[in-house]
N, C-alpha and C. Protein backbone atom coordinates (compact mmCIF):
# COMPACT_ATOMS: atom_id res chain seq x y z
N MET A 1 -4.04 20.66 -12.82
CA MET A 1 -3.36 19.37 -13.13
C MET A 1 -1.87 19.26 -11.89
N THR A 2 -2.45 18.34 -11.14
CA THR A 2 -1.31 17.64 -10.22
C THR A 2 0.06 17.62 -11.12
N SER A 3 0.66 18.03 -10.38
CA SER A 3 2.36 17.55 -10.85
C SER A 3 3.27 16.06 -9.84
N ILE A 4 3.93 14.89 -10.89
CA ILE A 4 4.23 14.05 -9.93
C ILE A 4 5.70 14.18 -10.14
N SER A 5 6.37 14.14 -8.81
CA SER A 5 7.54 14.20 -8.81
C SER A 5 8.19 12.54 -8.65
N ALA A 6 8.74 12.17 -9.34
CA ALA A 6 9.69 11.14 -9.34
C ALA A 6 11.31 11.08 -9.35
N ALA A 7 11.81 10.26 -8.61
CA ALA A 7 13.14 10.63 -8.24
C ALA A 7 13.80 8.88 -8.14
N VAL A 8 15.32 8.82 -8.21
CA VAL A 8 15.65 7.54 -8.02
C VAL A 8 16.72 7.78 -7.15
N ARG A 9 17.52 6.89 -6.24
CA ARG A 9 18.26 7.45 -5.27
C ARG A 9 18.75 5.40 -4.87
N ARG A 10 20.14 5.88 -3.84
CA ARG A 10 20.14 4.81 -3.19
C ARG A 10 19.38 3.95 -2.36
N LEU A 11 19.46 2.69 -2.31
CA LEU A 11 18.60 2.24 -0.90
C LEU A 11 18.71 3.16 0.41
N GLU A 12 17.95 2.83 1.10
CA GLU A 12 18.43 3.76 2.47
C GLU A 12 17.36 2.89 3.39
N SER A 13 18.04 2.31 4.89
CA SER A 13 17.38 1.73 5.81
C SER A 13 15.67 1.96 6.05
N GLY A 14 15.47 3.05 5.68
CA GLY A 14 13.99 3.31 6.16
C GLY A 14 13.25 2.42 4.76
N ASP A 15 13.58 2.21 3.71
CA ASP A 15 12.82 1.58 2.31
C ASP A 15 12.96 -0.28 2.44
N CYS A 16 13.39 -0.31 3.00
CA CYS A 16 13.42 -2.01 2.89
C CYS A 16 11.81 -2.23 3.33
N GLY A 17 11.44 -1.83 4.11
CA GLY A 17 9.89 -2.84 4.10
C GLY A 17 9.17 -2.83 2.47
N LEU A 18 9.74 -1.39 1.84
CA LEU A 18 8.95 -1.71 0.82
C LEU A 18 9.30 -2.41 -0.05
N VAL A 19 10.93 -2.23 0.07
CA VAL A 19 11.22 -2.83 -1.22
C VAL A 19 11.39 -4.42 -0.94
N GLY A 20 10.82 -4.78 0.31
CA GLY A 20 10.88 -6.47 0.70
C GLY A 20 9.72 -6.80 -0.18
N MET A 21 8.37 -5.70 -0.10
CA MET A 21 7.28 -5.97 -0.36
C MET A 21 7.05 -6.39 -2.03
N LEU A 22 7.61 -5.12 -2.71
CA LEU A 22 8.05 -5.08 -3.79
C LEU A 22 8.67 -6.17 -4.58
N GLU A 23 9.56 -6.64 -4.07
CA GLU A 23 10.15 -7.90 -4.17
C GLU A 23 9.54 -9.00 -4.69
N GLY A 24 8.64 -9.48 -3.25
CA GLY A 24 7.36 -10.64 -3.35
C GLY A 24 6.82 -10.15 -4.94
N MET A 25 6.27 -8.88 -5.13
CA MET A 25 5.56 -8.98 -6.57
C MET A 25 6.16 -8.97 -7.13
N TRP A 26 7.48 -8.41 -7.30
CA TRP A 26 8.06 -8.79 -8.90
C TRP A 26 8.18 -10.65 -8.86
N ARG A 27 8.52 -11.11 -7.44
CA ARG A 27 7.94 -12.70 -7.74
C ARG A 27 7.04 -13.63 -8.19
N ALA A 28 5.84 -12.97 -7.80
CA ALA A 28 4.70 -13.28 -7.82
C ALA A 28 4.71 -12.59 -9.97
N ALA A 29 5.12 -11.54 -10.59
CA ALA A 29 4.68 -11.22 -11.58
C ALA A 29 5.82 -12.09 -12.31
N ALA A 30 6.87 -12.62 -12.16
CA ALA A 30 8.08 -13.60 -13.00
C ALA A 30 7.52 -14.92 -12.82
N SER A 31 6.68 -15.50 -11.63
CA SER A 31 6.05 -16.77 -11.88
C SER A 31 5.18 -17.36 -12.83
N GLY A 32 4.70 -16.40 -13.78
CA GLY A 32 3.68 -16.65 -14.75
C GLY A 32 4.40 -16.14 -16.17
N TYR A 33 5.65 -16.18 -16.17
CA TYR A 33 6.05 -16.48 -17.54
C TYR A 33 7.23 -17.66 -17.45
N ARG A 34 7.09 -18.38 -18.75
CA ARG A 34 8.33 -19.80 -19.07
C ARG A 34 9.90 -19.38 -18.46
N GLY A 35 10.50 -20.12 -17.41
CA GLY A 35 11.41 -19.92 -17.09
C GLY A 35 11.68 -19.06 -16.01
N ALA A 36 10.56 -18.98 -15.21
CA ALA A 36 10.93 -18.10 -13.98
C ALA A 36 11.00 -19.23 -12.84
N ASP A 37 10.98 -20.16 -12.83
CA ASP A 37 11.70 -21.16 -12.13
C ASP A 37 12.86 -21.35 -11.86
N GLU A 38 13.68 -21.37 -12.84
CA GLU A 38 15.30 -20.86 -13.12
C GLU A 38 15.43 -19.50 -12.27
N LEU A 39 15.06 -18.81 -12.69
CA LEU A 39 15.23 -17.67 -12.42
C LEU A 39 15.13 -17.02 -10.80
N LEU A 40 14.00 -17.68 -10.41
CA LEU A 40 13.53 -17.26 -9.42
C LEU A 40 14.82 -18.34 -8.39
N ALA A 41 15.12 -19.50 -8.70
CA ALA A 41 15.82 -20.13 -7.75
C ALA A 41 17.19 -19.44 -7.84
N GLU A 42 17.79 -19.14 -9.21
CA GLU A 42 19.18 -18.30 -9.08
C GLU A 42 18.78 -17.07 -8.28
N THR A 43 17.63 -16.75 -7.99
CA THR A 43 17.69 -15.16 -7.18
C THR A 43 16.85 -15.16 -6.07
N PRO A 44 17.57 -15.85 -5.35
CA PRO A 44 17.19 -15.85 -3.69
C PRO A 44 16.35 -14.76 -3.53
N VAL A 45 15.55 -15.10 -2.46
CA VAL A 45 14.57 -14.05 -1.40
C VAL A 45 15.73 -13.03 -0.66
N VAL A 46 16.39 -12.13 -1.07
CA VAL A 46 16.89 -11.07 0.24
C VAL A 46 16.35 -11.08 1.68
N PRO A 47 17.12 -11.77 2.65
CA PRO A 47 16.90 -11.79 3.97
C PRO A 47 16.42 -10.66 4.68
N ALA A 48 17.59 -9.79 4.15
CA ALA A 48 18.07 -8.58 4.81
C ALA A 48 18.14 -7.65 4.04
N TRP A 49 17.19 -6.90 3.48
CA TRP A 49 17.63 -5.75 2.32
C TRP A 49 18.47 -4.41 2.81
N GLY A 50 18.65 -4.27 4.09
CA GLY A 50 19.09 -3.25 5.34
C GLY A 50 20.54 -4.22 4.53
N ASP A 51 21.20 -5.29 4.71
CA ASP A 51 22.28 -5.00 4.32
C ASP A 51 22.80 -4.94 3.20
N ARG A 52 21.77 -4.69 2.12
CA ARG A 52 22.11 -4.14 0.74
C ARG A 52 22.59 -2.10 1.03
N VAL A 53 22.06 -1.77 1.83
CA VAL A 53 22.43 -0.30 2.32
C VAL A 53 24.04 -0.47 2.00
N GLY A 54 24.33 0.75 1.17
CA GLY A 54 25.90 1.06 0.70
C GLY A 54 26.64 0.21 0.17
N ASP A 55 26.18 -0.96 0.14
CA ASP A 55 26.86 -2.25 -0.62
C ASP A 55 26.71 -2.09 -2.19
N ASP A 56 28.64 -1.98 -2.40
CA ASP A 56 28.82 -1.69 -3.49
C ASP A 56 28.87 -2.65 -4.93
N GLU A 57 29.08 -3.41 -4.10
CA GLU A 57 28.95 -5.14 -4.70
C GLU A 57 27.76 -5.47 -5.50
N HIS A 58 26.63 -5.15 -4.58
CA HIS A 58 25.05 -5.81 -4.62
C HIS A 58 24.16 -4.32 -4.66
N PRO A 59 24.69 -3.09 -5.31
CA PRO A 59 24.03 -2.03 -5.28
C PRO A 59 22.37 -2.00 -5.71
N VAL A 60 21.51 -1.27 -4.48
CA VAL A 60 20.22 -1.15 -5.03
C VAL A 60 19.61 0.33 -4.86
N TRP A 61 18.71 0.57 -5.86
CA TRP A 61 18.21 1.75 -6.44
C TRP A 61 17.01 1.42 -5.82
N VAL A 62 16.32 2.94 -5.94
CA VAL A 62 14.61 2.72 -5.30
C VAL A 62 14.39 3.99 -6.13
N GLY A 63 13.20 3.79 -6.56
CA GLY A 63 12.22 4.52 -7.34
C GLY A 63 11.22 4.94 -6.89
N THR A 64 11.19 6.49 -6.69
CA THR A 64 9.97 7.17 -5.47
C THR A 64 9.40 8.06 -6.23
N ILE A 65 7.75 7.82 -5.85
CA ILE A 65 6.93 8.74 -6.80
C ILE A 65 6.41 9.93 -4.98
N ASP A 66 6.83 10.75 -5.31
CA ASP A 66 6.30 11.97 -3.97
C ASP A 66 6.93 11.70 -3.15
N GLY A 67 8.01 11.29 -2.96
CA GLY A 67 9.11 10.07 -1.66
C GLY A 67 8.53 9.12 -1.40
N VAL A 68 7.76 8.11 -2.13
CA VAL A 68 7.26 7.34 -1.77
C VAL A 68 7.61 5.80 -2.71
N VAL A 69 8.46 4.94 -2.29
CA VAL A 69 9.08 4.25 -2.78
C VAL A 69 8.11 3.17 -4.04
N ALA A 70 8.69 3.43 -5.07
CA ALA A 70 7.30 2.26 -6.24
C ALA A 70 8.23 1.47 -6.82
N GLY A 71 9.55 1.15 -6.89
CA GLY A 71 9.81 0.48 -7.44
C GLY A 71 11.84 0.45 -7.10
N PHE A 72 12.12 -0.41 -7.84
CA PHE A 72 13.44 -1.12 -6.92
C PHE A 72 14.30 -1.89 -8.40
N LEU A 73 15.77 -1.64 -8.22
CA LEU A 73 16.50 -2.22 -8.72
C LEU A 73 17.91 -2.78 -8.24
N GLU A 74 18.12 -3.76 -8.46
CA GLU A 74 19.03 -4.55 -7.68
C GLU A 74 20.27 -5.16 -8.61
N LEU A 75 21.33 -4.74 -8.65
CA LEU A 75 22.54 -4.96 -9.35
C LEU A 75 23.95 -5.89 -8.57
N ASP A 76 24.47 -7.07 -9.35
CA ASP A 76 25.34 -7.27 -8.87
C ASP A 76 26.85 -6.82 -9.72
N ALA A 77 27.41 -6.18 -9.15
CA ALA A 77 28.73 -5.44 -9.54
C ALA A 77 30.05 -6.21 -9.29
N VAL A 78 29.97 -7.53 -9.85
CA VAL A 78 31.16 -7.89 -9.15
C VAL A 78 32.01 -8.35 -10.34
N GLY A 79 32.92 -7.95 -10.26
CA GLY A 79 33.97 -8.41 -11.61
C GLY A 79 33.69 -7.00 -12.97
N SER A 80 33.95 -7.82 -13.73
CA SER A 80 33.69 -6.74 -15.01
C SER A 80 32.53 -7.00 -15.77
N VAL A 81 31.85 -7.68 -15.14
CA VAL A 81 30.22 -7.41 -15.74
C VAL A 81 29.28 -7.31 -14.85
N ALA A 82 28.79 -6.33 -15.21
CA ALA A 82 27.60 -6.08 -14.30
C ALA A 82 25.89 -6.39 -14.78
N SER A 83 25.31 -7.10 -13.55
CA SER A 83 24.23 -7.55 -13.93
C SER A 83 22.97 -7.46 -13.10
N VAL A 84 22.12 -7.16 -13.87
CA VAL A 84 20.73 -6.77 -13.12
C VAL A 84 20.35 -7.98 -12.69
N LEU A 85 19.76 -8.31 -11.36
CA LEU A 85 19.34 -9.40 -10.60
C LEU A 85 17.83 -9.67 -10.78
N ARG A 86 17.58 -8.14 -10.19
CA ARG A 86 16.02 -7.92 -10.59
C ARG A 86 15.61 -6.37 -10.52
N VAL A 87 14.33 -6.21 -11.36
CA VAL A 87 14.27 -4.73 -11.69
C VAL A 87 12.73 -4.89 -11.39
N PHE A 88 12.21 -4.10 -11.20
CA PHE A 88 10.58 -4.35 -10.84
C PHE A 88 9.96 -2.21 -10.36
N VAL A 89 8.93 -2.73 -10.96
CA VAL A 89 8.33 -0.81 -10.90
C VAL A 89 6.63 -1.63 -10.46
N HIS A 90 5.85 -0.76 -9.12
CA HIS A 90 4.85 -1.23 -9.13
C HIS A 90 3.97 -1.01 -10.43
N PRO A 91 3.16 -1.89 -10.47
CA PRO A 91 1.86 -1.71 -11.23
C PRO A 91 1.27 0.21 -12.06
N ASP A 92 0.88 0.86 -10.51
CA ASP A 92 0.81 1.81 -10.78
C ASP A 92 1.56 3.36 -11.01
N ALA A 93 2.54 2.37 -10.81
CA ALA A 93 3.81 3.86 -11.19
C ALA A 93 4.65 3.50 -12.59
N ARG A 94 3.74 2.40 -13.53
CA ARG A 94 4.74 2.38 -14.29
C ARG A 94 4.42 3.29 -15.56
N GLU A 95 4.88 4.36 -16.45
CA GLU A 95 4.88 4.91 -17.80
C GLU A 95 4.90 6.09 -17.28
N LEU A 96 5.88 6.09 -16.21
CA LEU A 96 6.54 7.21 -15.67
C LEU A 96 7.91 7.59 -15.83
N GLY A 97 8.28 6.85 -16.35
CA GLY A 97 9.97 6.37 -16.58
C GLY A 97 10.67 6.61 -15.31
N LEU A 98 10.27 5.31 -14.14
CA LEU A 98 10.95 5.28 -13.57
C LEU A 98 11.70 3.89 -13.72
N GLY A 99 11.09 2.86 -14.37
CA GLY A 99 12.15 2.38 -14.81
C GLY A 99 13.74 1.98 -15.55
N ASP A 100 13.12 3.17 -16.31
CA ASP A 100 14.36 4.14 -17.00
C ASP A 100 15.37 4.30 -16.53
N ASP A 101 14.57 5.22 -15.43
CA ASP A 101 15.65 6.15 -14.35
C ASP A 101 16.75 5.04 -13.62
N LEU A 102 15.74 4.08 -12.98
CA LEU A 102 16.42 3.17 -12.12
C LEU A 102 17.34 2.18 -13.46
N LEU A 103 17.33 2.01 -14.30
CA LEU A 103 18.42 1.21 -15.71
C LEU A 103 19.33 2.33 -15.69
N ALA A 104 19.31 3.83 -15.83
CA ALA A 104 20.43 4.74 -15.93
C ALA A 104 21.09 4.77 -15.34
N ALA A 105 20.96 4.94 -13.69
CA ALA A 105 21.69 5.17 -12.99
C ALA A 105 22.57 3.62 -12.42
N ALA A 106 21.75 2.37 -12.50
CA ALA A 106 22.33 1.45 -12.57
C ALA A 106 24.09 1.24 -13.56
N ILE A 107 23.31 1.74 -15.10
CA ILE A 107 24.40 1.57 -15.69
C ILE A 107 25.35 2.73 -15.74
N GLU A 108 25.42 3.58 -15.06
CA GLU A 108 26.24 4.93 -14.80
C GLU A 108 26.93 4.28 -13.57
N PHE A 109 26.76 3.80 -12.84
CA PHE A 109 27.22 3.29 -11.72
C PHE A 109 28.34 2.36 -12.15
N ALA A 110 27.63 1.26 -12.94
CA ALA A 110 28.54 -0.28 -13.36
C ALA A 110 29.81 0.62 -14.25
N ARG A 111 29.94 1.85 -15.13
CA ARG A 111 30.54 2.57 -15.87
C ARG A 111 31.50 2.96 -14.95
N SER A 112 31.22 3.60 -14.14
CA SER A 112 32.21 4.57 -13.10
C SER A 112 32.32 3.29 -12.07
N ALA A 113 32.17 2.04 -11.77
CA ALA A 113 33.02 0.97 -11.18
C ALA A 113 34.30 0.30 -12.29
N GLY A 114 33.99 0.48 -13.67
CA GLY A 114 34.97 -0.24 -14.42
C GLY A 114 34.52 -1.28 -14.71
N CYS A 115 32.98 -1.86 -14.88
CA CYS A 115 32.40 -2.89 -15.45
C CYS A 115 32.97 -2.69 -16.87
N GLY A 116 32.83 -3.52 -18.03
CA GLY A 116 33.33 -3.62 -19.00
C GLY A 116 31.97 -3.91 -20.17
N ARG A 117 31.16 -4.96 -19.11
CA ARG A 117 29.49 -4.95 -19.90
C ARG A 117 28.62 -4.61 -18.83
N PHE A 118 27.50 -4.93 -19.38
CA PHE A 118 26.26 -5.13 -18.61
C PHE A 118 24.93 -5.36 -18.93
N GLU A 119 24.42 -6.21 -18.45
CA GLU A 119 23.64 -7.46 -18.96
C GLU A 119 21.97 -7.49 -17.74
N GLY A 120 21.18 -7.55 -18.43
CA GLY A 120 19.95 -8.19 -17.53
C GLY A 120 18.96 -9.17 -18.14
N THR A 121 18.12 -9.78 -17.71
CA THR A 121 17.64 -10.73 -18.06
C THR A 121 16.09 -10.44 -18.03
N ALA A 122 15.44 -11.16 -19.29
CA ALA A 122 13.66 -11.16 -19.28
C ALA A 122 13.45 -12.01 -19.56
N LEU A 123 12.42 -12.95 -18.87
CA LEU A 123 12.08 -13.93 -19.32
C LEU A 123 11.42 -13.95 -20.70
N PRO A 124 10.97 -15.35 -21.47
CA PRO A 124 10.43 -15.10 -22.95
C PRO A 124 8.48 -14.65 -22.36
N GLY A 125 8.64 -13.70 -22.98
CA GLY A 125 7.15 -13.31 -22.96
C GLY A 125 6.88 -12.34 -22.60
N ASP A 126 8.21 -11.63 -21.35
CA ASP A 126 7.74 -10.54 -20.31
C ASP A 126 8.44 -9.08 -21.54
N ARG A 127 7.57 -8.64 -22.31
CA ARG A 127 8.03 -7.44 -22.94
C ARG A 127 8.45 -6.50 -22.52
N LEU A 128 7.84 -6.17 -21.16
CA LEU A 128 7.65 -4.98 -20.49
C LEU A 128 9.73 -4.87 -19.84
N THR A 129 9.85 -6.34 -19.27
CA THR A 129 11.24 -5.83 -19.14
C THR A 129 12.50 -6.08 -20.31
N LYS A 130 11.77 -6.50 -21.28
CA LYS A 130 12.65 -6.65 -22.43
C LYS A 130 12.44 -5.26 -23.12
N ASN A 131 11.54 -4.86 -23.32
CA ASN A 131 11.26 -2.91 -23.62
C ASN A 131 12.19 -2.10 -23.11
N LEU A 132 12.07 -2.47 -21.63
CA LEU A 132 13.29 -1.29 -21.13
C LEU A 132 14.51 -1.76 -20.87
N TYR A 133 15.18 -2.38 -21.49
CA TYR A 133 16.52 -2.70 -21.22
C TYR A 133 16.56 -2.23 -23.15
N GLU A 134 15.78 -2.58 -23.61
CA GLU A 134 16.05 -2.23 -25.27
C GLU A 134 15.94 -0.47 -25.45
N ARG A 135 15.03 0.00 -24.76
CA ARG A 135 15.26 1.37 -24.43
C ARG A 135 16.79 2.09 -23.98
N ALA A 136 17.53 1.37 -23.09
CA ALA A 136 18.07 1.82 -22.61
C ALA A 136 19.62 1.68 -23.75
N GLY A 137 19.65 0.64 -25.06
CA GLY A 137 20.47 0.47 -25.81
C GLY A 137 21.33 -1.32 -25.43
N ILE A 138 20.64 -1.79 -24.42
CA ILE A 138 20.64 -3.27 -24.26
C ILE A 138 19.96 -4.43 -24.99
N VAL A 139 21.07 -4.97 -25.73
CA VAL A 139 19.86 -5.73 -26.81
C VAL A 139 20.48 -7.56 -26.37
N ALA A 140 19.73 -8.51 -27.09
CA ALA A 140 20.25 -9.37 -27.09
C ALA A 140 21.36 -9.95 -27.49
N ARG A 141 22.31 -10.70 -27.06
CA ARG A 141 23.27 -11.27 -27.75
C ARG A 141 23.58 -12.29 -27.97
N LYS A 142 22.39 -13.10 -27.13
CA LYS A 142 22.32 -14.39 -27.57
C LYS A 142 21.24 -15.08 -26.49
N VAL A 143 20.42 -16.03 -27.12
CA VAL A 143 19.36 -16.63 -26.60
C VAL A 143 19.48 -17.53 -26.44
N VAL A 144 19.41 -18.27 -24.97
CA VAL A 144 20.04 -19.76 -24.66
C VAL A 144 18.32 -20.31 -24.83
N LEU A 145 17.97 -21.36 -25.26
CA LEU A 145 17.33 -22.36 -25.41
C LEU A 145 17.25 -23.85 -24.20
N SER A 146 16.12 -24.24 -23.78
CA SER A 146 16.61 -25.63 -22.61
C SER A 146 15.50 -26.36 -23.02
N THR A 147 15.88 -27.48 -22.20
CA THR A 147 14.52 -28.47 -22.03
C THR A 147 15.23 -29.52 -20.62
N ARG A 148 14.29 -29.42 -20.22
CA ARG A 148 14.33 -30.37 -18.94
C ARG A 148 14.67 -32.05 -19.45
N LEU A 149 15.63 -32.53 -18.62
CA LEU A 149 15.61 -33.90 -19.38
C LEU A 149 15.41 -34.88 -17.91
N GLY A 150 14.52 -35.77 -17.97
CA GLY A 150 14.17 -36.72 -16.91
C GLY A 150 13.51 -35.65 -16.11
């Protein structure tokens, strides 16, 4: 039986191409859910992931399988609330704990940075993301319902 080595670490410059590809996959996956238009408009494409290397206001972690980047999490850690901007694990690398490990690293960072609250967003129907947050003890505190006028 072959052993798989999974790990999580902060973004490095050599990871940026794969993270950019994964971000495109995140956008495509998100577009299939209600509310995606607003989420994607609020979360613009990162023009240069290299700018996020070492950035403690918008830190990024990567999850690797046998040293290959297979997932990422980007956090907004400005102020007292740390918010997950996007989290994605390649479909072929799911159910190995990478999402849980990415979230745990971000929570620990937010705690050590003095943030008083940690939050994330899951679109309606996106059970995988909702379940990821709930496994970490992050639960809905409110549900916002809306409609377009005009």
